[in-house]
Full PDB file with SEQRES, HELIX, SHEET, SSBOND, CRYST1, ORIGX, SCALE, CONECT and MASTER records, all heavy atoms in Angstrom:
SEQRES   1 A   44  LEU VAL GLU GLY ASP ILE LEU LEU THR ASP GLU GLN LEU          
SEQRES   2 A   44  ASN THR THR HIS ASP ALA LYS PHE LEU ARG VAL GLY GLU          
SEQRES   3 A   44  THR GLU GLN TYR ARG THR THR ASN LEU VAL ASN VAL GLY          
SEQRES   4 A   44  SER GLY ARG THR ILE                                          
HELIX    1 AA1 ASP A   10  LEU A   13  1                                   4    
CRYST1    1.000    1.000    1.000  90.00  90.00  90.00 P 1           1          
ORIGX1      1.000000  0.000000  0.000000        0.00000                         
ORIGX2      0.000000  1.000000  0.000000        0.00000                         
ORIGX3      0.000000  0.000000  1.000000        0.00000                         
SCALE1      1.000000  0.000000  0.000000        0.00000                         
SCALE2      0.000000  1.000000  0.000000        0.00000                         
SCALE3      0.000000  0.000000  1.000000        0.00000                         
ATOM      1  N   LEU A   1      46.378 166.558  52.756  1.00  0.00           N  
ATOM      2  CA  LEU A   1      45.059 167.112  53.075  1.00  0.00           C  
ATOM      3  C   LEU A   1      44.105 165.967  53.377  1.00  0.00           C  
ATOM      4  O   LEU A   1      43.930 165.059  52.577  1.00  0.00           O  
ATOM      5  CB  LEU A   1      44.548 167.935  51.901  1.00  0.00           C  
ATOM      6  CG  LEU A   1      43.420 168.912  52.241  1.00  0.00           C  
ATOM      7  CD1 LEU A   1      43.941 170.085  53.036  1.00  0.00           C  
ATOM      8  CD2 LEU A   1      42.729 169.388  50.983  1.00  0.00           C  
ATOM      9  N   VAL A   2      43.483 166.008  54.576  1.00  0.00           N  
ATOM     10  CA  VAL A   2      42.549 164.977  54.967  1.00  0.00           C  
ATOM     11  C   VAL A   2      41.201 165.624  55.328  1.00  0.00           C  
ATOM     12  O   VAL A   2      41.146 166.793  55.659  1.00  0.00           O  
ATOM     13  CB  VAL A   2      43.078 164.169  56.178  1.00  0.00           C  
ATOM     14  CG1 VAL A   2      44.412 163.537  55.840  1.00  0.00           C  
ATOM     15  CG2 VAL A   2      43.180 165.047  57.414  1.00  0.00           C  
ATOM     16  N   GLU A   3      40.146 164.847  55.182  1.00  0.00           N  
ATOM     17  CA  GLU A   3      38.782 165.282  55.537  1.00  0.00           C  
ATOM     18  C   GLU A   3      38.405 166.577  54.845  1.00  0.00           C  
ATOM     19  O   GLU A   3      37.617 167.349  55.366  1.00  0.00           O  
ATOM     20  CB  GLU A   3      38.644 165.395  57.065  1.00  0.00           C  
ATOM     21  CG  GLU A   3      38.837 164.078  57.766  1.00  0.00           C  
ATOM     22  CD  GLU A   3      38.728 164.171  59.272  1.00  0.00           C  
ATOM     23  OE1 GLU A   3      38.316 165.216  59.783  1.00  0.00           O  
ATOM     24  OE2 GLU A   3      39.093 163.197  59.936  1.00  0.00           O  
ATOM     25  N   GLY A   4      38.955 166.804  53.691  1.00  0.00           N  
ATOM     26  CA  GLY A   4      38.533 167.932  52.887  1.00  0.00           C  
ATOM     27  C   GLY A   4      39.283 169.193  53.051  1.00  0.00           C  
ATOM     28  O   GLY A   4      39.530 169.935  52.093  1.00  0.00           O  
ATOM     29  N   ASP A   5      39.713 169.534  54.309  1.00  0.00           N  
ATOM     30  CA  ASP A   5      40.295 170.854  54.495  1.00  0.00           C  
ATOM     31  C   ASP A   5      41.297 170.912  55.644  1.00  0.00           C  
ATOM     32  O   ASP A   5      41.640 172.011  56.092  1.00  0.00           O  
ATOM     33  CB  ASP A   5      39.198 171.903  54.726  1.00  0.00           C  
ATOM     34  CG  ASP A   5      38.425 171.671  56.032  1.00  0.00           C  
ATOM     35  OD1 ASP A   5      38.406 170.520  56.517  1.00  0.00           O  
ATOM     36  OD2 ASP A   5      37.808 172.624  56.548  1.00  0.00           O  
ATOM     37  N   ILE A   6      41.798 169.766  56.115  1.00  0.00           N  
ATOM     38  CA  ILE A   6      42.726 169.747  57.256  1.00  0.00           C  
ATOM     39  C   ILE A   6      44.090 169.279  56.794  1.00  0.00           C  
ATOM     40  O   ILE A   6      44.229 168.201  56.187  1.00  0.00           O  
ATOM     41  CB  ILE A   6      42.205 168.839  58.380  1.00  0.00           C  
ATOM     42  CG1 ILE A   6      40.854 169.332  58.882  1.00  0.00           C  
ATOM     43  CG2 ILE A   6      43.194 168.761  59.531  1.00  0.00           C  
ATOM     44  CD1 ILE A   6      40.136 168.366  59.779  1.00  0.00           C  
ATOM     45  N   LEU A   7      45.130 170.064  57.053  1.00  0.00           N  
ATOM     46  CA  LEU A   7      46.478 169.726  56.656  1.00  0.00           C  
ATOM     47  C   LEU A   7      47.199 168.985  57.771  1.00  0.00           C  
ATOM     48  O   LEU A   7      47.231 169.449  58.910  1.00  0.00           O  
ATOM     49  CB  LEU A   7      47.262 170.997  56.296  1.00  0.00           C  
ATOM     50  CG  LEU A   7      48.734 170.765  55.890  1.00  0.00           C  
ATOM     51  CD1 LEU A   7      48.814 170.067  54.549  1.00  0.00           C  
ATOM     52  CD2 LEU A   7      49.510 172.067  55.869  1.00  0.00           C  
ATOM     53  N   LEU A   8      47.799 167.866  57.448  1.00  0.00           N  
ATOM     54  CA  LEU A   8      48.696 167.136  58.354  1.00  0.00           C  
ATOM     55  C   LEU A   8      50.086 167.105  57.760  1.00  0.00           C  
ATOM     56  O   LEU A   8      50.249 166.777  56.569  1.00  0.00           O  
ATOM     57  CB  LEU A   8      48.206 165.680  58.557  1.00  0.00           C  
ATOM     58  CG  LEU A   8      46.837 165.488  59.226  1.00  0.00           C  
ATOM     59  CD1 LEU A   8      46.498 164.015  59.318  1.00  0.00           C  
ATOM     60  CD2 LEU A   8      46.806 166.137  60.598  1.00  0.00           C  
ATOM     61  N   THR A   9      51.097 167.462  58.536  1.00  0.00           N  
ATOM     62  CA  THR A   9      52.456 167.474  58.062  1.00  0.00           C  
ATOM     63  C   THR A   9      53.128 166.129  58.343  1.00  0.00           C  
ATOM     64  O   THR A   9      52.655 165.345  59.177  1.00  0.00           O  
ATOM     65  CB  THR A   9      53.259 168.587  58.728  1.00  0.00           C  
ATOM     66  OG1 THR A   9      53.347 168.297  60.139  1.00  0.00           O  
ATOM     67  CG2 THR A   9      52.591 169.936  58.528  1.00  0.00           C  
ATOM     68  N   ASP A  10      54.269 165.865  57.684  1.00  0.00           N  
ATOM     69  CA  ASP A  10      55.034 164.674  57.970  1.00  0.00           C  
ATOM     70  C   ASP A  10      55.506 164.649  59.415  1.00  0.00           C  
ATOM     71  O   ASP A  10      55.549 163.591  60.062  1.00  0.00           O  
ATOM     72  CB  ASP A  10      56.253 164.583  57.024  1.00  0.00           C  
ATOM     73  CG  ASP A  10      55.872 164.142  55.635  1.00  0.00           C  
ATOM     74  OD1 ASP A  10      55.120 163.149  55.510  1.00  0.00           O  
ATOM     75  OD2 ASP A  10      56.308 164.781  54.666  1.00  0.00           O  
ATOM     76  N   GLU A  11      55.845 165.826  59.954  1.00  0.00           N  
ATOM     77  CA  GLU A  11      56.291 165.897  61.342  1.00  0.00           C  
ATOM     78  C   GLU A  11      55.185 165.441  62.268  1.00  0.00           C  
ATOM     79  O   GLU A  11      55.426 164.665  63.222  1.00  0.00           O  
ATOM     80  CB  GLU A  11      56.674 167.333  61.701  1.00  0.00           C  
ATOM     81  CG  GLU A  11      57.165 167.507  63.151  1.00  0.00           C  
ATOM     82  CD  GLU A  11      57.531 168.926  63.470  1.00  0.00           C  
ATOM     83  OE1 GLU A  11      57.370 169.809  62.589  1.00  0.00           O  
ATOM     84  OE2 GLU A  11      57.964 169.189  64.614  1.00  0.00           O  
ATOM     85  N   GLN A  12      53.947 165.852  62.017  1.00  0.00           N  
ATOM     86  CA  GLN A  12      52.829 165.409  62.845  1.00  0.00           C  
ATOM     87  C   GLN A  12      52.599 163.903  62.713  1.00  0.00           C  
ATOM     88  O   GLN A  12      52.323 163.223  63.712  1.00  0.00           O  
ATOM     89  CB  GLN A  12      51.562 166.163  62.461  1.00  0.00           C  
ATOM     90  CG  GLN A  12      51.572 167.636  62.848  1.00  0.00           C  
ATOM     91  CD  GLN A  12      50.382 168.392  62.295  1.00  0.00           C  
ATOM     92  OE1 GLN A  12      50.042 168.238  61.116  1.00  0.00           O  
ATOM     93  NE2 GLN A  12      49.758 169.221  63.126  1.00  0.00           N  
ATOM     94  N   LEU A  13      52.715 163.406  61.512  1.00  0.00           N  
ATOM     95  CA  LEU A  13      52.476 161.964  61.290  1.00  0.00           C  
ATOM     96  C   LEU A  13      53.538 161.097  61.943  1.00  0.00           C  
ATOM     97  O   LEU A  13      53.258 159.976  62.321  1.00  0.00           O  
ATOM     98  CB  LEU A  13      52.422 161.682  59.784  1.00  0.00           C  
ATOM     99  CG  LEU A  13      51.230 162.257  59.022  1.00  0.00           C  
ATOM    100  CD1 LEU A  13      51.353 161.920  57.533  1.00  0.00           C  
ATOM    101  CD2 LEU A  13      49.921 161.724  59.573  1.00  0.00           C  
ATOM    102  N   ASN A  14      54.746 161.638  62.059  1.00  0.00           N  
ATOM    103  CA  ASN A  14      55.854 160.843  62.607  1.00  0.00           C  
ATOM    104  C   ASN A  14      56.082 161.081  64.098  1.00  0.00           C  
ATOM    105  O   ASN A  14      57.020 160.531  64.663  1.00  0.00           O  
ATOM    106  CB  ASN A  14      57.137 161.142  61.819  1.00  0.00           C  
ATOM    107  CG  ASN A  14      57.068 160.618  60.403  1.00  0.00           C  
ATOM    108  OD1 ASN A  14      56.608 159.495  60.179  1.00  0.00           O  
ATOM    109  ND2 ASN A  14      57.500 161.416  59.453  1.00  0.00           N  
ATOM    110  N   THR A  15      55.234 161.890  64.720  1.00  0.00           N  
ATOM    111  CA  THR A  15      55.342 162.140  66.150  1.00  0.00           C  
ATOM    112  C   THR A  15      54.621 161.040  66.925  1.00  0.00           C  
ATOM    113  O   THR A  15      53.559 160.565  66.509  1.00  0.00           O  
ATOM    114  CB  THR A  15      54.705 163.507  66.519  1.00  0.00           C  
ATOM    115  OG1 THR A  15      55.435 164.528  65.826  1.00  0.00           O  
ATOM    116  CG2 THR A  15      54.785 163.762  68.007  1.00  0.00           C  
ATOM    117  N   THR A  16      55.194 160.622  68.035  1.00  0.00           N  
ATOM    118  CA  THR A  16      54.554 159.633  68.880  1.00  0.00           C  
ATOM    119  C   THR A  16      53.366 160.268  69.582  1.00  0.00           C  
ATOM    120  O   THR A  16      53.480 161.340  70.171  1.00  0.00           O  
ATOM    121  CB  THR A  16      55.519 159.076  69.937  1.00  0.00           C  
ATOM    122  OG1 THR A  16      56.629 158.483  69.255  1.00  0.00           O  
ATOM    123  CG2 THR A  16      54.836 158.020  70.802  1.00  0.00           C  
ATOM    124  N   HIS A  17      52.213 159.627  69.478  1.00  0.00           N  
ATOM    125  CA  HIS A  17      51.003 160.166  70.058  1.00  0.00           C  
ATOM    126  C   HIS A  17      50.490 159.270  71.177  1.00  0.00           C  
ATOM    127  O   HIS A  17      50.695 158.062  71.193  1.00  0.00           O  
ATOM    128  CB  HIS A  17      49.893 160.257  68.984  1.00  0.00           C  
ATOM    129  CG  HIS A  17      50.267 161.120  67.834  1.00  0.00           C  
ATOM    130  ND1 HIS A  17      50.149 162.504  67.862  1.00  0.00           N  
ATOM    131  CD2 HIS A  17      50.782 160.827  66.624  1.00  0.00           C  
ATOM    132  CE1 HIS A  17      50.561 163.006  66.715  1.00  0.00           C  
ATOM    133  NE2 HIS A  17      50.928 162.014  65.949  1.00  0.00           N  
ATOM    134  N   ASP A  18      49.797 159.897  72.109  1.00  0.00           N  
ATOM    135  CA  ASP A  18      49.116 159.196  73.169  1.00  0.00           C  
ATOM    136  C   ASP A  18      47.751 158.787  72.638  1.00  0.00           C  
ATOM    137  O   ASP A  18      46.853 159.614  72.480  1.00  0.00           O  
ATOM    138  CB  ASP A  18      48.948 160.103  74.393  1.00  0.00           C  
ATOM    139  CG  ASP A  18      48.195 159.434  75.521  1.00  0.00           C  
ATOM    140  OD1 ASP A  18      48.113 158.201  75.534  1.00  0.00           O  
ATOM    141  OD2 ASP A  18      47.671 160.170  76.387  1.00  0.00           O  
ATOM    142  N   ALA A  19      47.598 157.519  72.353  1.00  0.00           N  
ATOM    143  CA  ALA A  19      46.386 157.040  71.692  1.00  0.00           C  
ATOM    144  C   ALA A  19      45.159 157.236  72.580  1.00  0.00           C  
ATOM    145  O   ALA A  19      45.144 156.851  73.711  1.00  0.00           O  
ATOM    146  CB  ALA A  19      46.537 155.565  71.319  1.00  0.00           C  
ATOM    147  N   LYS A  20      44.163 157.887  72.010  1.00  0.00           N  
ATOM    148  CA  LYS A  20      42.894 158.083  72.678  1.00  0.00           C  
ATOM    149  C   LYS A  20      41.774 157.865  71.662  1.00  0.00           C  
ATOM    150  O   LYS A  20      41.940 158.155  70.497  1.00  0.00           O  
ATOM    151  CB  LYS A  20      42.779 159.508  73.221  1.00  0.00           C  
ATOM    152  CG  LYS A  20      43.796 159.877  74.296  1.00  0.00           C  
ATOM    153  CD  LYS A  20      43.556 161.308  74.751  1.00  0.00           C  
ATOM    154  CE  LYS A  20      44.547 161.703  75.857  1.00  0.00           C  
ATOM    155  NZ  LYS A  20      45.899 161.891  75.346  1.00  0.00           N  
ATOM    156  N   PHE A  21      40.688 157.386  72.105  1.00  0.00           N  
ATOM    157  CA  PHE A  21      39.477 157.389  71.282  1.00  0.00           C  
ATOM    158  C   PHE A  21      38.392 158.030  72.115  1.00  0.00           C  
ATOM    159  O   PHE A  21      37.820 157.398  72.984  1.00  0.00           O  
ATOM    160  CB  PHE A  21      39.072 155.989  70.841  1.00  0.00           C  
ATOM    161  CG  PHE A  21      37.997 156.026  69.791  1.00  0.00           C  
ATOM    162  CD1 PHE A  21      38.341 156.243  68.470  1.00  0.00           C  
ATOM    163  CD2 PHE A  21      36.676 155.900  70.134  1.00  0.00           C  
ATOM    164  CE1 PHE A  21      37.348 156.293  67.493  1.00  0.00           C  
ATOM    165  CE2 PHE A  21      35.682 155.949  69.153  1.00  0.00           C  
ATOM    166  CZ  PHE A  21      36.018 156.136  67.833  1.00  0.00           C  
ATOM    167  N   LEU A  22      38.157 159.303  71.911  1.00  0.00           N  
ATOM    168  CA  LEU A  22      37.362 160.103  72.820  1.00  0.00           C  
ATOM    169  C   LEU A  22      36.004 160.436  72.245  1.00  0.00           C  
ATOM    170  O   LEU A  22      35.503 161.552  72.378  1.00  0.00           O  
ATOM    171  CB  LEU A  22      38.143 161.360  73.207  1.00  0.00           C  
ATOM    172  CG  LEU A  22      39.444 161.103  73.954  1.00  0.00           C  
ATOM    173  CD1 LEU A  22      40.227 162.384  74.064  1.00  0.00           C  
ATOM    174  CD2 LEU A  22      39.160 160.546  75.324  1.00  0.00           C  
ATOM    175  N   ARG A  23      35.387 159.482  71.594  1.00  0.00           N  
ATOM    176  CA  ARG A  23      34.069 159.725  71.024  1.00  0.00           C  
ATOM    177  C   ARG A  23      33.023 159.666  72.127  1.00  0.00           C  
ATOM    178  O   ARG A  23      32.994 158.769  72.960  1.00  0.00           O  
ATOM    179  CB  ARG A  23      33.738 158.672  69.960  1.00  0.00           C  
ATOM    180  CG  ARG A  23      32.479 158.993  69.169  1.00  0.00           C  
ATOM    181  CD  ARG A  23      32.084 157.861  68.265  1.00  0.00           C  
ATOM    182  NE  ARG A  23      31.325 156.856  69.080  1.00  0.00           N  
ATOM    183  CZ  ARG A  23      30.958 155.671  68.590  1.00  0.00           C  
ATOM    184  NH1 ARG A  23      31.317 155.315  67.383  1.00  0.00           N  
ATOM    185  NH2 ARG A  23      30.260 154.840  69.338  1.00  0.00           N  
ATOM    186  N   VAL A  24      32.125 160.631  72.108  1.00  0.00           N  
ATOM    187  CA  VAL A  24      30.931 160.592  72.959  1.00  0.00           C  
ATOM    188  C   VAL A  24      29.749 160.959  72.078  1.00  0.00           C  
ATOM    189  O   VAL A  24      29.704 162.058  71.537  1.00  0.00           O  
ATOM    190  CB  VAL A  24      31.042 161.597  74.137  1.00  0.00           C  
ATOM    191  CG1 VAL A  24      29.807 161.520  74.987  1.00  0.00           C  
ATOM    192  CG2 VAL A  24      32.293 161.328  74.962  1.00  0.00           C  
ATOM    193  N   GLY A  25      28.794 160.075  71.942  1.00  0.00           N  
ATOM    194  CA  GLY A  25      27.636 160.353  71.105  1.00  0.00           C  
ATOM    195  C   GLY A  25      27.999 160.313  69.638  1.00  0.00           C  
ATOM    196  O   GLY A  25      29.023 159.775  69.222  1.00  0.00           O  
ATOM    197  N   GLU A  26      27.141 160.874  68.811  1.00  0.00           N  
ATOM    198  CA  GLU A  26      27.280 160.708  67.365  1.00  0.00           C  
ATOM    199  C   GLU A  26      27.480 162.033  66.615  1.00  0.00           C  
ATOM    200  O   GLU A  26      28.246 162.092  65.692  1.00  0.00           O  
ATOM    201  CB  GLU A  26      26.029 160.010  66.830  1.00  0.00           C  
ATOM    202  CG  GLU A  26      25.906 158.557  67.273  1.00  0.00           C  
ATOM    203  CD  GLU A  26      26.967 157.674  66.651  1.00  0.00           C  
ATOM    204  OE1 GLU A  26      27.041 157.590  65.408  1.00  0.00           O  
ATOM    205  OE2 GLU A  26      27.737 157.065  67.399  1.00  0.00           O  
ATOM    206  N   THR A  27      26.762 163.071  66.967  1.00  0.00           N  
ATOM    207  CA  THR A  27      26.784 164.279  66.129  1.00  0.00           C  
ATOM    208  C   THR A  27      26.810 165.540  66.969  1.00  0.00           C  
ATOM    209  O   THR A  27      25.897 166.361  66.939  1.00  0.00           O  
ATOM    210  CB  THR A  27      25.567 164.321  65.190  1.00  0.00           C  
ATOM    211  OG1 THR A  27      24.386 164.117  65.988  1.00  0.00           O  
ATOM    212  CG2 THR A  27      25.635 163.272  64.129  1.00  0.00           C  
ATOM    213  N   GLU A  28      27.863 165.725  67.729  1.00  0.00           N  
ATOM    214  CA  GLU A  28      27.958 166.871  68.577  1.00  0.00           C  
ATOM    215  C   GLU A  28      29.111 167.753  68.134  1.00  0.00           C  
ATOM    216  O   GLU A  28      29.871 167.389  67.261  1.00  0.00           O  
ATOM    217  CB  GLU A  28      28.203 166.393  70.037  1.00  0.00           C  
ATOM    218  CG  GLU A  28      27.140 165.439  70.535  1.00  0.00           C  
ATOM    219  CD  GLU A  28      27.744 164.232  71.248  1.00  0.00           C  
ATOM    220  OE1 GLU A  28      28.869 163.864  70.923  1.00  0.00           O  
ATOM    221  OE2 GLU A  28      27.079 163.676  72.111  1.00  0.00           O  
ATOM    222  N   GLN A  29      29.294 168.910  68.803  1.00  0.00           N  
ATOM    223  CA  GLN A  29      30.473 169.716  68.556  1.00  0.00           C  
ATOM    224  C   GLN A  29      31.682 168.997  69.158  1.00  0.00           C  
ATOM    225  O   GLN A  29      31.616 168.439  70.240  1.00  0.00           O  
ATOM    226  CB  GLN A  29      30.309 171.083  69.175  1.00  0.00           C  
ATOM    227  CG  GLN A  29      29.748 172.139  68.215  1.00  0.00           C  
ATOM    228  CD  GLN A  29      28.251 172.088  68.108  1.00  0.00           C  
ATOM    229  OE1 GLN A  29      27.647 171.128  68.561  1.00  0.00           O  
ATOM    230  NE2 GLN A  29      27.653 173.088  67.508  1.00  0.00           N  
ATOM    231  N   TYR A  30      32.790 169.045  68.423  1.00  0.00           N  
ATOM    232  CA  TYR A  30      34.004 168.358  68.848  1.00  0.00           C  
ATOM    233  C   TYR A  30      35.200 169.283  68.766  1.00  0.00           C  
ATOM    234  O   TYR A  30      35.260 170.168  67.944  1.00  0.00           O  
ATOM    235  CB  TYR A  30      34.263 167.136  67.967  1.00  0.00           C  
ATOM    236  CG  TYR A  30      33.268 166.026  68.147  1.00  0.00           C  
ATOM    237  CD1 TYR A  30      32.103 165.987  67.412  1.00  0.00           C  
ATOM    238  CD2 TYR A  30      33.488 165.006  69.085  1.00  0.00           C  
ATOM    239  CE1 TYR A  30      31.171 164.975  67.593  1.00  0.00           C  
ATOM    240  CE2 TYR A  30      32.575 163.999  69.265  1.00  0.00           C  
ATOM    241  CZ  TYR A  30      31.406 163.988  68.529  1.00  0.00           C  
ATOM    242  OH  TYR A  30      30.490 162.978  68.712  1.00  0.00           O  
ATOM    243  N   ARG A  31      36.157 168.993  69.652  1.00  0.00           N  
ATOM    244  CA  ARG A  31      37.427 169.655  69.557  1.00  0.00           C  
ATOM    245  C   ARG A  31      38.528 168.618  69.492  1.00  0.00           C  
ATOM    246  O   ARG A  31      38.296 167.425  69.763  1.00  0.00           O  
ATOM    247  CB  ARG A  31      37.655 170.549  70.804  1.00  0.00           C  
ATOM    248  CG  ARG A  31      37.795 169.750  72.118  1.00  0.00           C  
ATOM    249  CD  ARG A  31      38.163 170.681  73.245  1.00  0.00           C  
ATOM    250  NE  ARG A  31      38.223 170.050  74.538  1.00  0.00           N  
ATOM    251  CZ  ARG A  31      39.314 169.443  75.046  1.00  0.00           C  
ATOM    252  NH1 ARG A  31      40.416 169.364  74.315  1.00  0.00           N  
ATOM    253  NH2 ARG A  31      39.297 168.912  76.241  1.00  0.00           N  
ATOM    254  N   THR A  32      39.715 169.037  69.152  1.00  0.00           N  
ATOM    255  CA  THR A  32      40.873 168.155  69.223  1.00  0.00           C  
ATOM    256  C   THR A  32      41.474 168.228  70.624  1.00  0.00           C  
ATOM    257  O   THR A  32      41.024 168.998  71.473  1.00  0.00           O  
ATOM    258  CB  THR A  32      41.948 168.565  68.202  1.00  0.00           C  
ATOM    259  OG1 THR A  32      42.504 169.817  68.621  1.00  0.00           O  
ATOM    260  CG2 THR A  32      41.373 168.699  66.804  1.00  0.00           C  
ATOM    261  N   THR A  33      42.507 167.445  70.840  1.00  0.00           N  
ATOM    262  CA  THR A  33      43.256 167.550  72.091  1.00  0.00           C  
ATOM    263  C   THR A  33      44.235 168.703  72.046  1.00  0.00           C  
ATOM    264  O   THR A  33      44.908 168.995  73.047  1.00  0.00           O  
ATOM    265  CB  THR A  33      44.004 166.217  72.400  1.00  0.00           C  
ATOM    266  OG1 THR A  33      44.764 165.866  71.234  1.00  0.00           O  
ATOM    267  CG2 THR A  33      43.019 165.136  72.707  1.00  0.00           C  
ATOM    268  N   ASN A  34      44.340 169.394  70.910  1.00  0.00           N  
ATOM    269  CA  ASN A  34      45.233 170.543  70.750  1.00  0.00           C  
ATOM    270  C   ASN A  34      44.405 171.822  70.762  1.00  0.00           C  
ATOM    271  O   ASN A  34      43.528 172.027  69.929  1.00  0.00           O  
ATOM    272  CB  ASN A  34      46.001 170.464  69.421  1.00  0.00           C  
ATOM    273  CG  ASN A  34      46.818 169.199  69.322  1.00  0.00           C  
ATOM    274  OD1 ASN A  34      47.346 168.734  70.334  1.00  0.00           O  
ATOM    275  ND2 ASN A  34      46.936 168.637  68.132  1.00  0.00           N  
ATOM    276  N   LEU A  35      44.695 172.705  71.703  1.00  0.00           N  
ATOM    277  CA  LEU A  35      43.991 173.976  71.795  1.00  0.00           C  
ATOM    278  C   LEU A  35      44.993 175.107  71.883  1.00  0.00           C  
ATOM    279  O   LEU A  35      46.181 174.905  72.056  1.00  0.00           O  
ATOM    280  CB  LEU A  35      43.077 173.982  73.028  1.00  0.00           C  
ATOM    281  CG  LEU A  35      41.925 172.965  73.045  1.00  0.00           C  
ATOM    282  CD1 LEU A  35      41.176 173.037  74.369  1.00  0.00           C  
ATOM    283  CD2 LEU A  35      40.974 173.203  71.879  1.00  0.00           C  
ATOM    284  N   VAL A  36      44.490 176.334  71.776  1.00  0.00           N  
ATOM    285  CA  VAL A  36      45.324 177.539  71.892  1.00  0.00           C  
ATOM    286  C   VAL A  36      45.353 177.960  73.360  1.00  0.00           C  
ATOM    287  O   VAL A  36      44.311 178.024  74.019  1.00  0.00           O  
ATOM    288  CB  VAL A  36      44.766 178.672  71.026  1.00  0.00           C  
ATOM    289  CG1 VAL A  36      45.567 179.942  71.233  1.00  0.00           C  
ATOM    290  CG2 VAL A  36      44.748 178.261  69.559  1.00  0.00           C  
ATOM    291  N   ASN A  37      46.550 178.232  73.853  1.00  0.00           N  
ATOM    292  CA  ASN A  37      46.678 178.758  75.223  1.00  0.00           C  
ATOM    293  C   ASN A  37      46.267 180.228  75.215  1.00  0.00           C  
ATOM    294  O   ASN A  37      46.849 181.033  74.515  1.00  0.00           O  
ATOM    295  CB  ASN A  37      48.129 178.627  75.722  1.00  0.00           C  
ATOM    296  CG  ASN A  37      48.540 177.182  75.908  1.00  0.00           C  
ATOM    297  OD1 ASN A  37      47.690 176.318  76.133  1.00  0.00           O  
ATOM    298  ND2 ASN A  37      49.822 176.908  75.832  1.00  0.00           N  
ATOM    299  N   VAL A  38      45.282 180.545  76.033  1.00  0.00           N  
ATOM    300  CA  VAL A  38      44.801 181.945  76.055  1.00  0.00           C  
ATOM    301  C   VAL A  38      45.027 182.608  77.394  1.00  0.00           C  
ATOM    302  O   VAL A  38      44.954 183.845  77.483  1.00  0.00           O  
ATOM    303  CB  VAL A  38      43.295 182.013  75.686  1.00  0.00           C  
ATOM    304  CG1 VAL A  38      43.086 181.558  74.266  1.00  0.00           C  
ATOM    305  CG2 VAL A  38      42.446 181.187  76.658  1.00  0.00           C  
ATOM    306  N   GLY A  39      45.292 181.823  78.457  1.00  0.00           N  
ATOM    307  CA  GLY A  39      45.499 182.421  79.774  1.00  0.00           C  
ATOM    308  C   GLY A  39      44.286 183.246  80.168  1.00  0.00           C  
ATOM    309  O   GLY A  39      43.132 182.813  80.069  1.00  0.00           O  
ATOM    310  N   SER A  40      44.523 184.467  80.620  1.00  0.00           N  
ATOM    311  CA  SER A  40      43.429 185.357  81.017  1.00  0.00           C  
ATOM    312  C   SER A  40      42.881 186.146  79.821  1.00  0.00           C  
ATOM    313  O   SER A  40      41.973 186.948  79.967  1.00  0.00           O  
ATOM    314  CB  SER A  40      43.912 186.323  82.091  1.00  0.00           C  
ATOM    315  OG  SER A  40      45.012 187.085  81.613  1.00  0.00           O  
ATOM    316  N   GLY A  41      43.459 185.902  78.653  1.00  0.00           N  
ATOM    317  CA  GLY A  41      43.026 186.595  77.445  1.00  0.00           C  
ATOM    318  C   GLY A  41      44.151 186.651  76.422  1.00  0.00           C  
ATOM    319  O   GLY A  41      45.316 186.820  76.768  1.00  0.00           O  
ATOM    320  N   ARG A  42      43.807 186.484  75.142  1.00  0.00           N  
ATOM    321  CA  ARG A  42      44.840 186.496  74.113  1.00  0.00           C  
ATOM    322  C   ARG A  42      44.235 186.973  72.809  1.00  0.00           C  
ATOM    323  O   ARG A  42      43.116 186.577  72.446  1.00  0.00           O  
ATOM    324  CB  ARG A  42      45.431 185.092  73.926  1.00  0.00           C  
ATOM    325  CG  ARG A  42      46.526 185.015  72.850  1.00  0.00           C  
ATOM    326  CD  ARG A  42      47.159 183.664  72.839  1.00  0.00           C  
ATOM    327  NE  ARG A  42      48.201 183.562  71.817  1.00  0.00           N  
ATOM    328  CZ  ARG A  42      48.876 182.439  71.546  1.00  0.00           C  
ATOM    329  NH1 ARG A  42      48.621 181.340  72.226  1.00  0.00           N  
ATOM    330  NH2 ARG A  42      49.802 182.434  70.600  1.00  0.00           N  
ATOM    331  N   THR A  43      44.976 187.817  72.081  1.00  0.00           N  
ATOM    332  CA  THR A  43      44.555 188.303  70.782  1.00  0.00           C  
ATOM    333  C   THR A  43      45.373 187.629  69.693  1.00  0.00           C  
ATOM    334  O   THR A  43      46.604 187.611  69.750  1.00  0.00           O  
ATOM    335  CB  THR A  43      44.705 189.833  70.668  1.00  0.00           C  
ATOM    336  OG1 THR A  43      43.852 190.441  71.653  1.00  0.00           O  
ATOM    337  CG2 THR A  43      44.325 190.324  69.284  1.00  0.00           C  
ATOM    338  N   ILE A  44      44.679 187.058  68.712  1.00  0.00           N  
ATOM    339  CA  ILE A  44      45.308 186.373  67.589  1.00  0.00           C  
ATOM    340  C   ILE A  44      45.299 187.340  66.407  1.00  0.00           C  
ATOM    341  O   ILE A  44      44.257 187.818  65.986  1.00  0.00           O  
ATOM    342  CB  ILE A  44      44.569 185.072  67.226  1.00  0.00           C  
ATOM    343  CG1 ILE A  44      44.492 184.153  68.464  1.00  0.00           C  
ATOM    344  CG2 ILE A  44      45.242 184.392  66.056  1.00  0.00           C  
ATOM    345  CD1 ILE A  44      45.815 183.706  69.001  1.00  0.00           C  
TER     346      ILE A  44                                                      
MASTER        0    0    0    1    0    0    0    6  345    1    0    4          
END                                                                             
């Protein structure tokens, strides 16, 4: 558990990642590089 409430698995930690540092500004809304595919619409 990191940053209070985010779970990282061993599989995620041992996966090769494309290193990016995508900070813009200081205190804005942020997303990860991982999103949900929704296409033209999707119900979760």
